[in-house]
Protein backbone atom coordinates (compact mmCIF):
# COMPACT_ATOMS: atom_id res chain seq x y z
CA MET A 1 76.89 84.27 101.58
CA SER A 2 80.63 83.60 100.35
CA ILE A 3 82.52 86.13 99.05
CA ARG A 4 84.51 84.55 96.26
CA VAL A 5 88.06 85.23 95.93
CA ALA A 6 90.92 84.59 93.38
CA GLU A 7 93.34 81.95 94.56
CA PRO A 8 95.69 81.88 95.99
CA TYR A 9 94.53 84.45 98.54
CA SER A 10 95.25 84.60 103.28
CA PHE A 11 92.50 86.30 104.83
CA GLU A 12 95.06 85.82 107.60
CA MET A 13 97.45 88.23 105.40
CA SER A 14 94.66 90.62 104.80
CA LEU A 15 94.53 91.04 108.38
CA ARG A 16 98.45 91.78 108.68
CA ALA A 17 98.20 93.81 106.02
CA LEU A 18 95.34 95.83 107.63
CA ALA A 19 97.49 96.22 111.35
CA GLY A 20 100.26 98.37 108.70
CA PHE A 21 98.38 99.95 106.97
CA ALA A 22 98.51 103.80 108.68
CA PRO A 23 96.17 105.63 107.01
CA SER A 24 93.34 104.10 107.84
CA ALA A 25 94.09 102.70 111.31
CA GLY A 26 90.86 102.75 113.55
CA GLY A 27 88.73 102.48 109.88
CA HIS A 28 87.56 99.13 110.86
CA GLN A 29 87.49 96.30 113.86
CA VAL A 30 88.35 92.20 114.52
CA VAL A 31 86.60 90.52 116.65
CA GLY A 32 86.82 86.90 116.66
CA GLY A 33 89.06 87.22 113.90
CA ARG A 34 86.28 88.26 111.97
CA VAL A 35 87.24 91.80 110.63
CA ARG A 36 84.07 94.12 109.93
CA LYS A 37 84.33 97.83 108.15
CA ALA A 38 81.33 100.04 106.95
CA PHE A 39 81.11 101.55 104.28
CA ARG A 40 78.40 103.74 102.56
CA LEU A 41 75.44 102.85 101.23
CA GLY A 42 73.92 106.17 99.67
CA ALA A 43 73.37 108.03 103.06
CA GLU A 44 73.37 105.33 105.26
CA ALA A 45 76.17 103.20 106.57
CA VAL A 46 75.86 99.35 106.68
CA VAL A 47 78.81 97.53 108.33
CA ALA A 48 80.51 94.89 106.37
CA GLU A 49 81.42 91.72 108.55
CA LEU A 50 84.00 89.33 106.81
CA GLY A 51 85.29 86.25 108.40
CA PRO A 52 88.63 83.35 107.65
CA ASP A 53 85.59 80.93 106.09
CA LEU A 54 84.87 84.30 103.96
CA SER A 55 81.58 84.32 104.82
CA LEU A 56 80.07 87.75 104.22
CA GLY A 57 77.53 89.21 106.71
CA VAL A 58 76.45 92.73 106.32
CA HIS A 59 74.74 94.32 109.94
CA SER A 60 71.93 97.14 108.52
CA GLY A 61 69.68 99.62 110.25
CA ARG A 62 67.21 97.61 107.40
CA ALA A 63 66.41 95.65 104.95
CA LEU A 64 68.17 95.35 102.48
CA ALA A 65 67.75 94.64 99.01
CA ARG A 66 69.34 91.92 96.84
CA GLU A 67 71.65 94.58 93.99
CA GLU A 68 72.45 96.64 97.85
CA ARG A 69 73.29 93.89 99.01
CA ALA A 70 75.52 93.02 95.97
CA GLU A 71 76.61 96.52 96.18
CA ILE A 72 77.70 95.82 99.12
CA GLU A 73 80.45 91.94 98.40
CA ARG A 74 81.72 94.99 95.41
CA ALA A 75 82.77 96.54 98.07
CA VAL A 76 84.29 94.99 100.02
CA SER A 77 85.80 92.72 97.47
CA ARG A 78 87.33 96.00 95.84
CA TRP A 79 88.87 96.82 99.70
CA LEU A 80 90.46 93.85 100.44
CA SER A 81 91.07 92.69 96.44
CA LEU A 82 89.55 89.80 96.91
CA ASP A 83 88.79 88.65 92.92
CA ASP A 84 92.75 89.71 91.94
CA ASP A 85 94.72 87.32 89.90
CA MET A 86 97.42 87.35 91.18
CA SER A 87 99.27 84.43 88.70
CA GLY A 88 100.62 86.63 86.65
CA PHE A 89 102.33 88.76 89.66
CA LEU A 90 103.23 85.77 91.31
CA ALA A 91 105.36 84.01 88.26
CA SER A 92 107.50 86.98 88.07
CA ALA A 93 108.41 87.24 91.77
CA GLU A 94 108.94 83.43 91.64
CA ARG A 95 111.87 84.38 88.85
CA ASP A 96 113.23 87.39 90.90
CA GLY A 97 115.10 85.03 94.22
CA PRO A 98 114.68 87.67 96.52
CA MET A 99 110.80 88.93 95.46
CA ALA A 100 110.62 85.48 95.33
CA HIS A 101 111.59 85.13 99.70
CA VAL A 102 109.28 87.65 99.77
CA VAL A 103 106.28 86.56 98.31
CA ARG A 104 106.60 82.81 99.98
CA ALA A 105 106.28 84.57 103.80
CA ALA A 106 103.04 86.49 102.39
CA HIS A 107 101.31 83.57 100.93
CA GLY A 108 98.03 84.54 99.88
CA LEU A 109 98.23 88.20 100.26
CA HIS A 110 96.07 90.62 98.33
CA GLN A 111 96.24 94.18 97.84
CA VAL A 112 94.35 96.24 101.12
CA ARG A 113 93.45 99.33 99.10
CA PHE A 114 91.18 102.03 100.53
CA ALA A 115 87.67 101.76 100.77
CA SER A 116 86.19 104.20 98.67
CA LEU A 117 87.82 106.25 95.61
CA ALA A 118 85.95 109.50 98.34
CA GLU A 119 88.28 107.92 101.13
CA GLY A 120 91.68 108.14 98.71
CA THR A 121 90.69 110.80 96.68
CA VAL A 122 90.80 112.87 99.72
CA TYR A 123 93.90 111.53 101.78
CA PHE A 124 96.12 111.80 98.50
CA THR A 125 95.15 114.75 97.58
CA LEU A 126 96.43 115.90 101.90
CA THR A 127 99.70 114.54 101.22
CA GLN A 128 100.71 116.63 98.58
CA ARG A 129 102.76 119.49 100.30
CA SER A 130 102.31 117.63 104.09
CA THR A 131 102.87 114.18 105.46
CA GLN A 132 101.16 110.76 105.65
CA TRP A 133 100.69 112.03 109.73
CA TYR A 134 98.61 114.66 109.08
CA ALA A 135 96.64 113.63 106.73
CA THR A 136 95.46 110.28 107.99
CA ALA A 137 93.93 112.61 111.31
CA ARG A 138 92.46 115.37 108.88
CA LYS A 139 91.12 112.49 106.80
CA ARG A 140 89.67 109.86 110.11
CA ARG A 141 88.29 113.84 110.86
CA ILE A 142 86.20 114.17 107.94
CA ALA A 143 85.40 110.66 108.71
CA ALA A 144 84.19 111.10 112.35
CA GLU A 145 82.52 114.44 111.49
CA LEU A 146 80.73 113.47 108.60
CA GLY A 147 80.56 110.11 107.47
CA PRO A 148 77.30 108.20 108.19
CA ARG A 149 77.60 105.83 110.57
CA LEU A 150 76.02 102.32 112.10
CA THR A 151 76.61 100.81 116.19
CA VAL A 152 76.50 97.22 115.76
CA ASP A 153 77.08 95.07 119.72
CA GLY A 154 77.73 98.76 121.11
CA VAL A 155 80.45 99.81 118.68
CA ASP A 156 79.64 102.81 116.24
CA HIS A 157 81.36 101.95 113.15
CA VAL A 158 81.97 105.35 110.28
CA ALA A 159 82.16 105.00 106.72
CA PHE A 160 83.69 107.88 104.93
CA PRO A 161 80.89 110.11 103.82
CA SER A 162 80.77 110.82 99.70
CA LEU A 163 82.52 113.44 96.93
CA ALA A 164 79.53 115.23 97.00
CA THR A 165 79.10 115.50 100.65
CA ILE A 166 82.84 117.42 100.79
CA GLY A 167 82.48 118.58 97.82
CA ALA A 168 78.83 120.37 99.07
CA LEU A 169 80.85 122.04 102.69
CA GLY A 170 81.37 126.02 102.53
CA ASP A 171 84.50 127.57 101.99
CA ALA A 172 84.72 127.73 106.42
CA GLU A 173 83.67 124.53 107.20
CA LEU A 174 86.57 123.09 104.12
CA ILE A 175 89.45 124.99 105.25
CA GLY A 176 88.59 123.97 108.88
CA TYR A 177 89.09 120.22 107.94
CA ALA A 178 91.85 120.93 105.29
CA GLY A 179 93.68 122.73 108.06
CA ASN A 180 94.53 126.37 105.40
CA ARG A 181 92.95 128.13 102.49
CA GLN A 182 94.82 126.95 99.97
CA ARG A 183 94.55 123.19 100.75
CA ALA A 184 91.11 123.46 100.99
CA ASP A 185 91.26 125.31 97.68
CA ARG A 186 92.86 121.90 95.92
CA LEU A 187 91.45 119.69 98.32
CA ARG A 188 87.28 121.41 97.26
CA THR A 189 88.93 121.52 92.94
CA VAL A 190 90.23 118.38 92.79
CA VAL A 191 87.13 116.33 94.79
CA ALA A 192 84.62 118.22 92.04
CA GLY A 193 87.15 116.99 89.40
CA VAL A 194 87.61 113.57 90.25
CA ALA A 195 83.49 113.27 91.06
CA ALA A 196 82.75 114.54 87.68
CA LEU A 197 84.63 110.99 86.35
CA ASP A 198 82.65 107.37 85.93
CA GLU A 199 83.67 105.45 89.77
CA GLU A 200 83.06 102.23 86.92
CA TRP A 201 84.97 103.78 84.34
CA LEU A 202 88.22 104.50 86.23
CA HIS A 203 88.02 100.61 87.93
CA THR A 204 87.72 99.38 84.29
CA GLY A 205 88.63 101.85 81.84
CA ALA A 206 91.51 101.27 79.72
CA TYR A 207 94.95 102.54 82.24
CA ASP A 208 96.33 104.90 80.14
CA GLU A 209 92.78 106.85 78.97
CA VAL A 210 92.58 106.22 82.87
CA ARG A 211 95.78 108.06 84.13
CA LYS A 212 95.04 110.58 81.32
CA ALA A 213 92.09 111.15 82.66
CA LEU A 214 92.95 112.04 85.96
CA LEU A 215 96.21 114.27 84.99
CA ALA A 216 93.91 116.36 83.79
CA VAL A 217 92.01 117.07 86.79
CA PRO A 218 93.81 120.48 88.38
CA GLY A 219 95.47 119.70 91.19
CA ILE A 220 95.96 115.82 90.53
CA GLY A 221 99.98 115.48 89.00
CA GLU A 222 101.92 111.87 88.55
CA PHE A 223 102.73 110.87 92.28
CA THR A 224 98.18 111.42 93.41
CA ALA A 225 97.28 109.84 90.34
CA GLN A 226 99.35 106.78 89.96
CA ALA A 227 98.49 106.45 93.52
CA LEU A 228 94.90 106.79 93.05
CA LEU A 229 94.88 103.94 90.23
CA LEU A 230 96.99 101.37 92.67
CA ARG A 231 96.40 101.94 95.93
CA VAL A 232 92.23 102.99 95.53
CA LEU A 233 91.56 101.13 92.27
CA GLY A 234 93.82 98.18 92.23
CA ARG A 235 94.96 99.12 89.27
CA PRO A 236 98.88 97.68 89.48
CA ASP A 237 100.26 98.99 85.84
CA ASP A 238 102.19 101.01 87.03
CA ALA A 239 103.69 102.93 90.12
CA PRO A 240 105.85 105.94 90.55
CA LEU A 241 109.38 103.45 91.52
CA GLY A 242 111.33 106.41 91.40
CA MET A 243 110.01 107.89 94.79
CA ALA A 244 111.84 107.82 97.85
CA GLN A 245 109.48 104.68 99.34
CA PHE A 246 109.44 102.45 96.48
CA GLU A 247 114.24 102.98 97.20
CA ALA A 248 114.15 101.96 100.14
CA ALA A 249 111.41 98.87 99.88
CA ALA A 250 113.14 98.16 97.07
CA ARG A 251 116.92 97.43 98.98
CA ALA A 252 114.99 96.41 101.79
CA VAL A 253 114.43 93.46 99.21
CA TYR A 254 117.79 93.42 97.44
CA GLY A 255 120.45 94.93 99.37
CA GLU A 256 122.30 97.88 98.75
CA THR A 257 122.05 97.77 94.61
CA PRO A 258 118.79 96.76 94.07
CA PRO A 259 117.38 96.97 90.13
CA GLY A 260 116.24 100.01 88.63
CA PRO A 261 112.84 101.13 87.88
CA ALA A 262 113.29 100.72 84.33
CA GLU A 263 114.52 96.97 85.27
CA LEU A 264 111.72 96.36 87.96
CA ARG A 265 108.75 97.65 85.30
CA ALA A 266 110.50 95.50 82.32
CA HIS A 267 110.79 92.37 84.40
CA TYR A 268 106.89 92.78 86.05
CA GLY A 269 105.43 94.37 83.54
CA ARG A 270 101.79 95.67 84.51
CA TRP A 271 101.78 94.00 87.53
CA VAL A 272 104.93 95.94 89.06
CA GLY A 273 102.46 97.77 91.08
CA TRP A 274 102.58 94.63 92.76
CA TRP A 275 105.66 94.25 93.39
CA ALA A 276 105.25 97.95 95.03
CA TYR A 277 102.74 97.26 97.26
CA TYR A 278 104.54 93.87 98.44
CA ALA A 279 108.13 95.31 98.14
CA ARG A 280 106.06 98.10 100.84
CA THR A 281 104.26 96.02 102.95
CA ALA A 282 105.29 92.28 103.01
CA SER A 283 109.33 93.37 102.85
CA SER A 284 109.93 92.61 106.60
CA TRP A 285 108.04 89.55 107.09
CA VAL A 286 110.62 87.61 105.69
CA ALA A 287 112.35 87.61 109.40
CA GLU A 288 109.28 87.53 110.75
CA PRO A 289 106.39 85.37 112.76
CA LEU A 290 102.53 85.34 111.59
CA PRO A 291 100.75 87.89 114.10
CA VAL A 292 98.13 85.73 116.30
CA ALA A 293 94.30 87.66 115.17
CA ALA A 294 92.68 89.60 117.99
């Protein structure tokens, strides 16, 4: 079956973004120009396979019901933000000369997100008072040891476990995955708090209400809430533009005197999160050739 997308969309740009998305390194496989990724379906793993023609195949250990295939299609669409209407952001970027060059170099790029709410929640909780490298390594171990798996063409594909699976771990187990008791306690608290929220509402509810609900979870601060909203839930209404990584991204686009957060928010409005994503992901692509897909 073919999966629907909101144009403009480029599968090649998705592969390019995936190659540079360090927190999810090793979580997918590119074979013959097609990408394979494991997703959790209940207690099982299924492997979705998407190609440049946007044909979607699903590998599983049994025949899937129609609603189960629809669930995997929705998960793939959210992972690659396939149905995001980028028109408002693109129109704003075209009126922003330096950013227009980035958008043209990355024509058809849609945001690559964390593939599940559980994966993103665990990762961003583990980055608190730590490093991205450390959080990525810890998250990868959790997936490898707790996630359901499926072998396709001799390759093991592992889906990230559910929030319920992580929340059910004993204290010693969770400390082993998190690295110390303080981080384990925070992870348990955040996982329980996010699991208590309605996931579909997190995707579709009013942005300010969803943000308020996330901030009400003990252990979630402003950065984690905004990171979950943008990089996991695909909500581009805001981003923590005052942080060092976004200031560096702004300099990469505009030079040494970039616009500040207030000016960027005024120009891009409810799409400023996509400015942040393009600036961090694709600003270097202006001068780089497009790599050949594996």
